[in-house]
Amino acid sequence: MKSYTPKEIVAILIAHGFELARIKGSHQVYVNRANGKRTVVPMHGKDLKKGTLHSILKQAGIELKERE
């Protein structure tokens, strides 16, 4: 799987109807008001680790086939 930066993940979340709810430190919380899902994206300057990426997308309800 390709690696993603936090900014790329945010773009994917926004495309799926998520919006920024709040910021705490270097973490941004995104909420989809249509389905009530919530996920947190760490806004660090490097690519997200594979496990973190999978966790974010699982919390958001975005399937593997939708990401590619």
C-alpha atoms as a PDB file:
ATOM      1  CA  MET A   1       0.000   0.000   0.000  1.00  0.00           C
ATOM      2  CA  LYS A   2       1.142   3.506  -0.807  1.00  0.00           C
ATOM      3  CA  SER A   3       2.143   5.736   2.105  1.00  0.00           C
ATOM      4  CA  TYR A   4       0.109   8.877   2.768  1.00  0.00           C
ATOM      5  CA  THR A   5       0.869  12.185   4.437  1.00  0.00           C
ATOM      6  CA  PRO A   6      -1.600  13.628   6.951  1.00  0.00           C
ATOM      7  CA  LYS A   7      -2.646  16.273   4.394  1.00  0.00           C
ATOM      8  CA  GLU A   8      -3.522  13.569   1.849  1.00  0.00           C
ATOM      9  CA  ILE A   9      -5.612  11.723   4.450  1.00  0.00           C
ATOM     10  CA  VAL A  10      -7.435  14.948   5.341  1.00  0.00           C
ATOM     11  CA  ALA A  11      -8.267  15.450   1.640  1.00  0.00           C
ATOM     12  CA  ILE A  12      -9.691  11.901   1.493  1.00  0.00           C
ATOM     13  CA  LEU A  13     -11.765  12.492   4.630  1.00  0.00           C
ATOM     14  CA  ILE A  14     -13.138  15.790   3.310  1.00  0.00           C
ATOM     15  CA  ALA A  15     -14.054  14.092   0.028  1.00  0.00           C
ATOM     16  CA  HIS A  16     -16.074  11.582   2.075  1.00  0.00           C
ATOM     17  CA  GLY A  17     -18.041  14.280   3.904  1.00  0.00           C
ATOM     18  CA  PHE A  18     -15.893  14.821   7.006  1.00  0.00           C
ATOM     19  CA  GLU A  19     -15.248  18.266   8.424  1.00  0.00           C
ATOM     20  CA  LEU A  20     -12.833  19.577  11.018  1.00  0.00           C
ATOM     21  CA  ALA A  21     -14.458  19.558  14.461  1.00  0.00           C
ATOM     22  CA  ARG A  22     -11.562  20.622  16.673  1.00  0.00           C
ATOM     23  CA  ILE A  23      -7.793  20.701  17.098  1.00  0.00           C
ATOM     24  CA  LYS A  24      -5.896  19.591  20.191  1.00  0.00           C
ATOM     25  CA  GLY A  25      -2.143  20.002  19.924  1.00  0.00           C
ATOM     26  CA  SER A  26      -0.929  18.331  16.749  1.00  0.00           C
ATOM     27  CA  HIS A  27      -4.072  16.211  16.345  1.00  0.00           C
ATOM     28  CA  GLN A  28      -7.132  17.185  14.334  1.00  0.00           C
ATOM     29  CA  VAL A  29     -10.546  15.618  14.959  1.00  0.00           C
ATOM     30  CA  TYR A  30     -12.793  15.143  11.923  1.00  0.00           C
ATOM     31  CA  VAL A  31     -16.507  14.370  12.095  1.00  0.00           C
ATOM     32  CA  ASN A  32     -18.995  13.234   9.475  1.00  0.00           C
ATOM     33  CA  ARG A  33     -22.318  14.681  10.578  1.00  0.00           C
ATOM     34  CA  ALA A  34     -24.283  12.516   8.121  1.00  0.00           C
ATOM     35  CA  ASN A  35     -23.283   9.183   9.695  1.00  0.00           C
ATOM     36  CA  GLY A  36     -21.869  10.287  13.084  1.00  0.00           C
ATOM     37  CA  LYS A  37     -18.391   8.822  12.513  1.00  0.00           C
ATOM     38  CA  ARG A  38     -15.343  10.501  14.039  1.00  0.00           C
ATOM     39  CA  THR A  39     -11.619  10.073  13.498  1.00  0.00           C
ATOM     40  CA  VAL A  40      -8.400  11.733  14.663  1.00  0.00           C
ATOM     41  CA  VAL A  41      -5.517  12.601  12.329  1.00  0.00           C
ATOM     42  CA  PRO A  42      -2.053  13.286  13.794  1.00  0.00           C
ATOM     43  CA  MET A  43      -0.684  16.241  11.808  1.00  0.00           C
ATOM     44  CA  HIS A  44       3.007  15.398  11.942  1.00  0.00           C
ATOM     45  CA  GLY A  45       5.455  16.281   9.189  1.00  0.00           C
ATOM     46  CA  LYS A  46       6.006  12.742   7.922  1.00  0.00           C
ATOM     47  CA  ASP A  47       4.052   9.926   6.304  1.00  0.00           C
ATOM     48  CA  LEU A  48       1.623   8.072   8.548  1.00  0.00           C
ATOM     49  CA  LYS A  49       2.567   4.579   9.654  1.00  0.00           C
ATOM     50  CA  LYS A  50       0.591   1.769   8.068  1.00  0.00           C
ATOM     51  CA  GLY A  51      -1.255   0.847  11.280  1.00  0.00           C
ATOM     52  CA  THR A  52      -2.207   4.458  11.984  1.00  0.00           C
ATOM     53  CA  LEU A  53      -3.494   4.859   8.432  1.00  0.00           C
ATOM     54  CA  HIS A  54      -5.602   1.687   8.683  1.00  0.00           C
ATOM     55  CA  SER A  55      -7.010   2.830  12.039  1.00  0.00           C
ATOM     56  CA  ILE A  56      -8.005   6.264  10.714  1.00  0.00           C
ATOM     57  CA  LEU A  57      -9.738   4.805   7.674  1.00  0.00           C
ATOM     58  CA  LYS A  58     -11.459   2.094   9.743  1.00  0.00           C
ATOM     59  CA  GLN A  59     -12.812   4.702  12.177  1.00  0.00           C
ATOM     60  CA  ALA A  60     -14.015   6.757   9.199  1.00  0.00           C
ATOM     61  CA  GLY A  61     -15.715   3.736   7.611  1.00  0.00           C
ATOM     62  CA  ILE A  62     -13.738   4.037   4.380  1.00  0.00           C
ATOM     63  CA  GLU A  63     -13.130   0.680   2.680  1.00  0.00           C
ATOM     64  CA  LEU A  64      -9.850  -0.370   1.057  1.00  0.00           C
ATOM     65  CA  LYS A  65     -11.339  -0.331  -2.454  1.00  0.00           C
ATOM     66  CA  GLU A  66     -12.551   3.259  -1.917  1.00  0.00           C
ATOM     67  CA  ARG A  67      -9.028   4.447  -0.991  1.00  0.00           C
ATOM     68  CA  GLU A  68      -7.301   3.287  -4.162  1.00  0.00           C
END
